[in-house]
Amino acid sequence: MATNEEQGERWSGMGTGWSITSTMIGGIATIGALGYLIDRLLGLGHVFLPIGFIVGGGLGTYIIWLRYGRGEDGDT
């Protein structure tokens, strides 16, 4: 049977994985919703919705890079 310390080591990256996943989903959903709102307000078809999805994915990736992608001393 594994000790508590060994179980903790197995699951140590799980929180980081969920944080990255939720940041990506949140960025895409938030900026995509803003694009949808702009489309509705201007009476356009789905013009800004896909733009919002793409920009949201890019911003989510940038936030993840800021949080996890830099080295220990702040360098890339």
PDB file of N, CA and C in Angstrom:
ATOM      1  N   MET A   1       0.844  -1.171   0.000  1.00  0.00           N
ATOM      2  CA  MET A   1       0.000   0.000   0.000  1.00  0.00           C
ATOM      3  C   MET A   1       0.894   1.240   0.000  1.00  0.00           C
ATOM      4  N   ALA A   2       0.543   2.214  -0.807  1.00  0.00           N
ATOM      5  CA  ALA A   2       1.342   3.425  -0.933  1.00  0.00           C
ATOM      6  C   ALA A   2       1.095   4.350   0.257  1.00  0.00           C
ATOM      7  N   THR A   3       2.157   4.997   0.676  1.00  0.00           N
ATOM      8  CA  THR A   3       2.011   5.952   1.769  1.00  0.00           C
ATOM      9  C   THR A   3       1.406   7.242   1.237  1.00  0.00           C
ATOM     10  N   ASN A   4       1.008   8.108   2.153  1.00  0.00           N
ATOM     11  CA  ASN A   4       0.411   9.386   1.761  1.00  0.00           C
ATOM     12  C   ASN A   4       1.383  10.244   0.962  1.00  0.00           C
ATOM     13  N   GLU A   5       2.661  10.188   1.314  1.00  0.00           N
ATOM     14  CA  GLU A   5       3.660  10.979   0.600  1.00  0.00           C
ATOM     15  C   GLU A   5       3.799  10.496  -0.846  1.00  0.00           C
ATOM     16  N   GLU A   6       3.799   9.175  -1.057  1.00  0.00           N
ATOM     17  CA  GLU A   6       3.901   8.629  -2.411  1.00  0.00           C
ATOM     18  C   GLU A   6       2.655   8.983  -3.231  1.00  0.00           C
ATOM     19  N   GLN A   7       1.489   8.933  -2.620  1.00  0.00           N
ATOM     20  CA  GLN A   7       0.265   9.307  -3.327  1.00  0.00           C
ATOM     21  C   GLN A   7       0.282  10.781  -3.687  1.00  0.00           C
ATOM     22  N   GLY A   8       0.804  11.623  -2.812  1.00  0.00           N
ATOM     23  CA  GLY A   8       0.894  13.046  -3.087  1.00  0.00           C
ATOM     24  C   GLY A   8       1.821  13.331  -4.254  1.00  0.00           C
ATOM     25  N   GLU A   9       2.912  12.570  -4.357  1.00  0.00           N
ATOM     26  CA  GLU A   9       3.845  12.753  -5.465  1.00  0.00           C
ATOM     27  C   GLU A   9       3.211  12.356  -6.790  1.00  0.00           C
ATOM     28  N   ARG A  10       2.383  11.342  -6.791  1.00  0.00           N
ATOM     29  CA  ARG A  10       1.718  10.906  -8.022  1.00  0.00           C
ATOM     30  C   ARG A  10       0.755  11.953  -8.539  1.00  0.00           C
ATOM     31  N   TRP A  11       0.109  12.654  -7.638  1.00  0.00           N
ATOM     32  CA  TRP A  11      -0.921  13.622  -8.023  1.00  0.00           C
ATOM     33  C   TRP A  11      -0.407  15.069  -7.985  1.00  0.00           C
ATOM     34  N   SER A  12       0.885  15.268  -7.892  1.00  0.00           N
ATOM     35  CA  SER A  12       1.418  16.615  -7.697  1.00  0.00           C
ATOM     36  C   SER A  12       1.152  17.531  -8.887  1.00  0.00           C
ATOM     37  N   GLY A  13       1.129  17.032 -10.097  1.00  0.00           N
ATOM     38  CA  GLY A  13       0.900  17.866 -11.271  1.00  0.00           C
ATOM     39  C   GLY A  13      -0.553  18.014 -11.658  1.00  0.00           C
ATOM     40  N   MET A  14      -1.441  17.350 -10.961  1.00  0.00           N
ATOM     41  CA  MET A  14      -2.855  17.377 -11.331  1.00  0.00           C
ATOM     42  C   MET A  14      -3.456  18.769 -11.192  1.00  0.00           C
ATOM     43  N   GLY A  15      -3.110  19.485 -10.144  1.00  0.00           N
ATOM     44  CA  GLY A  15      -3.625  20.841  -9.956  1.00  0.00           C
ATOM     45  C   GLY A  15      -3.153  21.783 -11.050  1.00  0.00           C
ATOM     46  N   THR A  16      -1.909  21.624 -11.457  1.00  0.00           N
ATOM     47  CA  THR A  16      -1.378  22.443 -12.536  1.00  0.00           C
ATOM     48  C   THR A  16      -2.103  22.147 -13.835  1.00  0.00           C
ATOM     49  N   GLY A  17      -2.348  20.900 -14.115  1.00  0.00           N
ATOM     50  CA  GLY A  17      -3.069  20.520 -15.332  1.00  0.00           C
ATOM     51  C   GLY A  17      -4.476  21.090 -15.372  1.00  0.00           C
ATOM     52  N   TRP A  18      -5.180  21.008 -14.259  1.00  0.00           N
ATOM     53  CA  TRP A  18      -6.535  21.565 -14.207  1.00  0.00           C
ATOM     54  C   TRP A  18      -6.515  23.078 -14.325  1.00  0.00           C
ATOM     55  N   SER A  19      -5.519  23.715 -13.764  1.00  0.00           N
ATOM     56  CA  SER A  19      -5.406  25.166 -13.859  1.00  0.00           C
ATOM     57  C   SER A  19      -5.168  25.598 -15.299  1.00  0.00           C
ATOM     58  N   ILE A  20      -4.304  24.897 -16.009  1.00  0.00           N
ATOM     59  CA  ILE A  20      -4.045  25.210 -17.412  1.00  0.00           C
ATOM     60  C   ILE A  20      -5.294  24.978 -18.252  1.00  0.00           C
ATOM     61  N   THR A  21      -5.975  23.863 -18.019  1.00  0.00           N
ATOM     62  CA  THR A  21      -7.193  23.558 -18.772  1.00  0.00           C
ATOM     63  C   THR A  21      -8.267  24.607 -18.548  1.00  0.00           C
ATOM     64  N   SER A  22      -8.485  24.987 -17.302  1.00  0.00           N
ATOM     65  CA  SER A  22      -9.537  25.965 -17.017  1.00  0.00           C
ATOM     66  C   SER A  22      -9.177  27.350 -17.537  1.00  0.00           C
ATOM     67  N   THR A  23      -7.892  27.693 -17.556  1.00  0.00           N
ATOM     68  CA  THR A  23      -7.482  28.980 -18.112  1.00  0.00           C
ATOM     69  C   THR A  23      -7.763  29.032 -19.609  1.00  0.00           C
ATOM     70  N   MET A  24      -7.470  27.951 -20.320  1.00  0.00           N
ATOM     71  CA  MET A  24      -7.731  27.911 -21.758  1.00  0.00           C
ATOM     72  C   MET A  24      -9.232  27.976 -22.047  1.00  0.00           C
ATOM     73  N   ILE A  25     -10.015  27.182 -21.347  1.00  0.00           N
ATOM     74  CA  ILE A  25     -11.461  27.179 -21.566  1.00  0.00           C
ATOM     75  C   ILE A  25     -12.052  28.535 -21.203  1.00  0.00           C
ATOM     76  N   GLY A  26     -11.604  29.115 -20.094  1.00  0.00           N
ATOM     77  CA  GLY A  26     -12.111  30.413 -19.676  1.00  0.00           C
ATOM     78  C   GLY A  26     -11.777  31.522 -20.659  1.00  0.00           C
ATOM     79  N   GLY A  27     -10.569  31.505 -21.197  1.00  0.00           N
ATOM     80  CA  GLY A  27     -10.184  32.521 -22.178  1.00  0.00           C
ATOM     81  C   GLY A  27     -11.003  32.416 -23.455  1.00  0.00           C
ATOM     82  N   ILE A  28     -11.145  31.202 -23.961  1.00  0.00           N
ATOM     83  CA  ILE A  28     -11.910  31.000 -25.189  1.00  0.00           C
ATOM     84  C   ILE A  28     -13.376  31.357 -24.975  1.00  0.00           C
ATOM     85  N   ALA A  29     -13.947  30.931 -23.856  1.00  0.00           N
ATOM     86  CA  ALA A  29     -15.364  31.206 -23.597  1.00  0.00           C
ATOM     87  C   ALA A  29     -15.634  32.687 -23.365  1.00  0.00           C
ATOM     88  N   THR A  30     -14.766  33.353 -22.617  1.00  0.00           N
ATOM     89  CA  THR A  30     -14.991  34.761 -22.293  1.00  0.00           C
ATOM     90  C   THR A  30     -14.872  35.653 -23.517  1.00  0.00           C
ATOM     91  N   ILE A  31     -13.772  35.533 -24.241  1.00  0.00           N
ATOM     92  CA  ILE A  31     -13.574  36.391 -25.408  1.00  0.00           C
ATOM     93  C   ILE A  31     -14.525  35.977 -26.532  1.00  0.00           C
ATOM     94  N   GLY A  32     -14.826  34.695 -26.631  1.00  0.00           N
ATOM     95  CA  GLY A  32     -15.830  34.250 -27.600  1.00  0.00           C
ATOM     96  C   GLY A  32     -17.208  34.823 -27.305  1.00  0.00           C
ATOM     97  N   ALA A  33     -17.560  34.904 -26.032  1.00  0.00           N
ATOM     98  CA  ALA A  33     -18.841  35.502 -25.651  1.00  0.00           C
ATOM     99  C   ALA A  33     -18.875  36.992 -25.976  1.00  0.00           C
ATOM    100  N   LEU A  34     -17.741  37.663 -25.797  1.00  0.00           N
ATOM    101  CA  LEU A  34     -17.683  39.074 -26.185  1.00  0.00           C
ATOM    102  C   LEU A  34     -17.860  39.232 -27.696  1.00  0.00           C
ATOM    103  N   GLY A  35     -17.264  38.346 -28.467  1.00  0.00           N
ATOM    104  CA  GLY A  35     -17.447  38.370 -29.911  1.00  0.00           C
ATOM    105  C   GLY A  35     -18.895  38.131 -30.302  1.00  0.00           C
ATOM    106  N   TYR A  36     -19.543  37.188 -29.625  1.00  0.00           N
ATOM    107  CA  TYR A  36     -20.960  36.920 -29.873  1.00  0.00           C
ATOM    108  C   TYR A  36     -21.810  38.146 -29.531  1.00  0.00           C
ATOM    109  N   LEU A  37     -21.497  38.810 -28.427  1.00  0.00           N
ATOM    110  CA  LEU A  37     -22.227  40.004 -28.017  1.00  0.00           C
ATOM    111  C   LEU A  37     -22.063  41.122 -29.044  1.00  0.00           C
ATOM    112  N   ILE A  38     -20.866  41.298 -29.547  1.00  0.00           N
ATOM    113  CA  ILE A  38     -20.642  42.314 -30.584  1.00  0.00           C
ATOM    114  C   ILE A  38     -21.437  41.981 -31.839  1.00  0.00           C
ATOM    115  N   ASP A  39     -21.455  40.705 -32.222  1.00  0.00           N
ATOM    116  CA  ASP A  39     -22.252  40.291 -33.383  1.00  0.00           C
ATOM    117  C   ASP A  39     -23.726  40.614 -33.187  1.00  0.00           C
ATOM    118  N   ARG A  40     -24.240  40.329 -32.002  1.00  0.00           N
ATOM    119  CA  ARG A  40     -25.665  40.587 -31.726  1.00  0.00           C
ATOM    120  C   ARG A  40     -25.967  42.085 -31.703  1.00  0.00           C
ATOM    121  N   LEU A  41     -25.084  42.870 -31.112  1.00  0.00           N
ATOM    122  CA  LEU A  41     -25.327  44.311 -31.016  1.00  0.00           C
ATOM    123  C   LEU A  41     -25.253  44.996 -32.377  1.00  0.00           C
ATOM    124  N   LEU A  42     -24.356  44.543 -33.234  1.00  0.00           N
ATOM    125  CA  LEU A  42     -24.201  45.156 -34.542  1.00  0.00           C
ATOM    126  C   LEU A  42     -25.092  44.521 -35.609  1.00  0.00           C
ATOM    127  N   GLY A  43     -25.774  43.446 -35.252  1.00  0.00           N
ATOM    128  CA  GLY A  43     -26.677  42.785 -36.188  1.00  0.00           C
ATOM    129  C   GLY A  43     -25.956  42.039 -37.304  1.00  0.00           C
ATOM    130  N   LEU A  44     -24.746  41.617 -37.055  1.00  0.00           N
ATOM    131  CA  LEU A  44     -23.967  40.882 -38.046  1.00  0.00           C
ATOM    132  C   LEU A  44     -24.218  39.391 -37.910  1.00  0.00           C
ATOM    133  N   GLY A  45     -23.750  38.656 -38.903  1.00  0.00           N
ATOM    134  CA  GLY A  45     -23.754  37.200 -38.768  1.00  0.00           C
ATOM    135  C   GLY A  45     -22.679  36.816 -37.766  1.00  0.00           C
ATOM    136  N   HIS A  46     -22.177  35.666 -37.884  1.00  0.00           N
ATOM    137  CA  HIS A  46     -21.126  35.210 -36.973  1.00  0.00           C
ATOM    138  C   HIS A  46     -19.763  35.645 -37.507  1.00  0.00           C
ATOM    139  N   VAL A  47     -19.468  36.915 -37.330  1.00  0.00           N
ATOM    140  CA  VAL A  47     -18.193  37.469 -37.787  1.00  0.00           C
ATOM    141  C   VAL A  47     -17.211  37.531 -36.623  1.00  0.00           C
ATOM    142  N   PHE A  48     -17.621  38.126 -35.517  1.00  0.00           N
ATOM    143  CA  PHE A  48     -16.716  38.319 -34.393  1.00  0.00           C
ATOM    144  C   PHE A  48     -16.651  37.108 -33.464  1.00  0.00           C
ATOM    145  N   LEU A  49     -17.586  36.186 -33.572  1.00  0.00           N
ATOM    146  CA  LEU A  49     -17.561  34.987 -32.723  1.00  0.00           C
ATOM    147  C   LEU A  49     -16.305  34.153 -32.973  1.00  0.00           C
ATOM    148  N   PRO A  50     -16.003  33.764 -34.220  1.00  0.00           N
ATOM    149  CA  PRO A  50     -14.762  32.995 -34.412  1.00  0.00           C
ATOM    150  C   PRO A  50     -13.505  33.808 -34.125  1.00  0.00           C
ATOM    151  N   ILE A  51     -13.564  35.114 -34.382  1.00  0.00           N
ATOM    152  CA  ILE A  51     -12.422  35.965 -34.035  1.00  0.00           C
ATOM    153  C   ILE A  51     -12.220  35.950 -32.522  1.00  0.00           C
ATOM    154  N   GLY A  52     -13.311  36.005 -31.772  1.00  0.00           N
ATOM    155  CA  GLY A  52     -13.222  35.937 -30.314  1.00  0.00           C
ATOM    156  C   GLY A  52     -12.661  34.617 -29.821  1.00  0.00           C
ATOM    157  N   PHE A  53     -13.041  33.522 -30.477  1.00  0.00           N
ATOM    158  CA  PHE A  53     -12.488  32.215 -30.092  1.00  0.00           C
ATOM    159  C   PHE A  53     -10.976  32.175 -30.314  1.00  0.00           C
ATOM    160  N   ILE A  54     -10.531  32.689 -31.447  1.00  0.00           N
ATOM    161  CA  ILE A  54      -9.105  32.658 -31.768  1.00  0.00           C
ATOM    162  C   ILE A  54      -8.317  33.575 -30.827  1.00  0.00           C
ATOM    163  N   VAL A  55      -8.830  34.790 -30.620  1.00  0.00           N
ATOM    164  CA  VAL A  55      -8.150  35.723 -29.720  1.00  0.00           C
ATOM    165  C   VAL A  55      -8.163  35.191 -28.286  1.00  0.00           C
ATOM    166  N   GLY A  56      -9.278  34.600 -27.864  1.00  0.00           N
ATOM    167  CA  GLY A  56      -9.355  34.018 -26.521  1.00  0.00           C
ATOM    168  C   GLY A  56      -8.370  32.878 -26.326  1.00  0.00           C
ATOM    169  N   GLY A  57      -8.205  32.045 -27.339  1.00  0.00           N
ATOM    170  CA  GLY A  57      -7.202  30.983 -27.248  1.00  0.00           C
ATOM    171  C   GLY A  57      -5.798  31.538 -27.161  1.00  0.00           C
ATOM    172  N   GLY A  58      -5.542  32.584 -27.933  1.00  0.00           N
ATOM    173  CA  GLY A  58      -4.224  33.219 -27.877  1.00  0.00           C
ATOM    174  C   GLY A  58      -3.951  33.864 -26.531  1.00  0.00           C
ATOM    175  N   LEU A  59      -4.942  34.560 -26.005  1.00  0.00           N
ATOM    176  CA  LEU A  59      -4.769  35.187 -24.691  1.00  0.00           C
ATOM    177  C   LEU A  59      -4.629  34.147 -23.579  1.00  0.00           C
ATOM    178  N   GLY A  60      -5.395  33.065 -23.682  1.00  0.00           N
ATOM    179  CA  GLY A  60      -5.248  31.988 -22.703  1.00  0.00           C
ATOM    180  C   GLY A  60      -3.862  31.378 -22.737  1.00  0.00           C
ATOM    181  N   THR A  61      -3.329  31.173 -23.938  1.00  0.00           N
ATOM    182  CA  THR A  61      -1.980  30.641 -24.082  1.00  0.00           C
ATOM    183  C   THR A  61      -0.952  31.601 -23.498  1.00  0.00           C
ATOM    184  N   TYR A  62      -1.141  32.893 -23.741  1.00  0.00           N
ATOM    185  CA  TYR A  62      -0.220  33.895 -23.209  1.00  0.00           C
ATOM    186  C   TYR A  62      -0.250  33.919 -21.675  1.00  0.00           C
ATOM    187  N   ILE A  63      -1.430  33.836 -21.087  1.00  0.00           N
ATOM    188  CA  ILE A  63      -1.543  33.827 -19.627  1.00  0.00           C
ATOM    189  C   ILE A  63      -0.869  32.584 -19.051  1.00  0.00           C
ATOM    190  N   ILE A  64      -1.051  31.442 -19.718  1.00  0.00           N
ATOM    191  CA  ILE A  64      -0.400  30.210 -19.249  1.00  0.00           C
ATOM    192  C   ILE A  64       1.112  30.343 -19.350  1.00  0.00           C
ATOM    193  N   TRP A  65       1.585  30.947 -20.437  1.00  0.00           N
ATOM    194  CA  TRP A  65       3.026  31.141 -20.573  1.00  0.00           C
ATOM    195  C   TRP A  65       3.558  32.057 -19.470  1.00  0.00           C
ATOM    196  N   LEU A  66       2.815  33.118 -19.163  1.00  0.00           N
ATOM    197  CA  LEU A  66       3.242  34.012 -18.087  1.00  0.00           C
ATOM    198  C   LEU A  66       3.305  33.294 -16.751  1.00  0.00           C
ATOM    199  N   ARG A  67       2.346  32.420 -16.513  1.00  0.00           N
ATOM    200  CA  ARG A  67       2.261  31.767 -15.211  1.00  0.00           C
ATOM    201  C   ARG A  67       3.217  30.580 -15.093  1.00  0.00           C
ATOM    202  N   TYR A  68       3.338  29.753 -16.149  1.00  0.00           N
ATOM    203  CA  TYR A  68       4.087  28.496 -16.031  1.00  0.00           C
ATOM    204  C   TYR A  68       5.270  28.377 -16.990  1.00  0.00           C
ATOM    205  N   GLY A  69       5.304  29.165 -18.046  1.00  0.00           N
ATOM    206  CA  GLY A  69       6.285  28.935 -19.090  1.00  0.00           C
ATOM    207  C   GLY A  69       7.633  29.565 -18.877  1.00  0.00           C
ATOM    208  N   ARG A  70       7.713  30.547 -18.023  1.00  0.00           N
ATOM    209  CA  ARG A  70       8.990  31.197 -17.784  1.00  0.00           C
ATOM    210  C   ARG A  70       9.849  30.364 -16.833  1.00  0.00           C
ATOM    211  N   GLY A  71      11.144  30.549 -16.918  1.00  0.00           N
ATOM    212  CA  GLY A  71      12.057  29.826 -16.052  1.00  0.00           C
ATOM    213  C   GLY A  71      11.992  30.312 -14.621  1.00  0.00           C
ATOM    214  N   GLU A  72      12.777  29.720 -13.795  1.00  0.00           N
ATOM    215  CA  GLU A  72      12.805  30.064 -12.376  1.00  0.00           C
ATOM    216  C   GLU A  72      13.260  31.506 -12.145  1.00  0.00           C
ATOM    217  N   ASP A  73      14.184  31.999 -12.984  1.00  0.00           N
ATOM    218  CA  ASP A  73      14.694  33.347 -12.792  1.00  0.00           C
ATOM    219  C   ASP A  73      13.958  34.383 -13.639  1.00  0.00           C
ATOM    220  N   GLY A  74      12.850  34.000 -14.268  1.00  0.00           N
ATOM    221  CA  GLY A  74      12.048  34.937 -15.055  1.00  0.00           C
ATOM    222  C   GLY A  74      12.413  34.968 -16.513  1.00  0.00           C
ATOM    223  N   ASP A  75      13.454  34.220 -16.912  1.00  0.00           N
ATOM    224  CA  ASP A  75      13.831  34.183 -18.323  1.00  0.00           C
ATOM    225  C   ASP A  75      12.986  33.149 -19.051  1.00  0.00           C
ATOM    226  N   THR A  76      12.953  33.263 -20.380  1.00  0.00           N
ATOM    227  CA  THR A  76      12.203  32.277 -21.168  1.00  0.00           C
ATOM    228  C   THR A  76      12.993  31.031 -21.384  1.00  0.00           C
TER     229      THR A  76
END
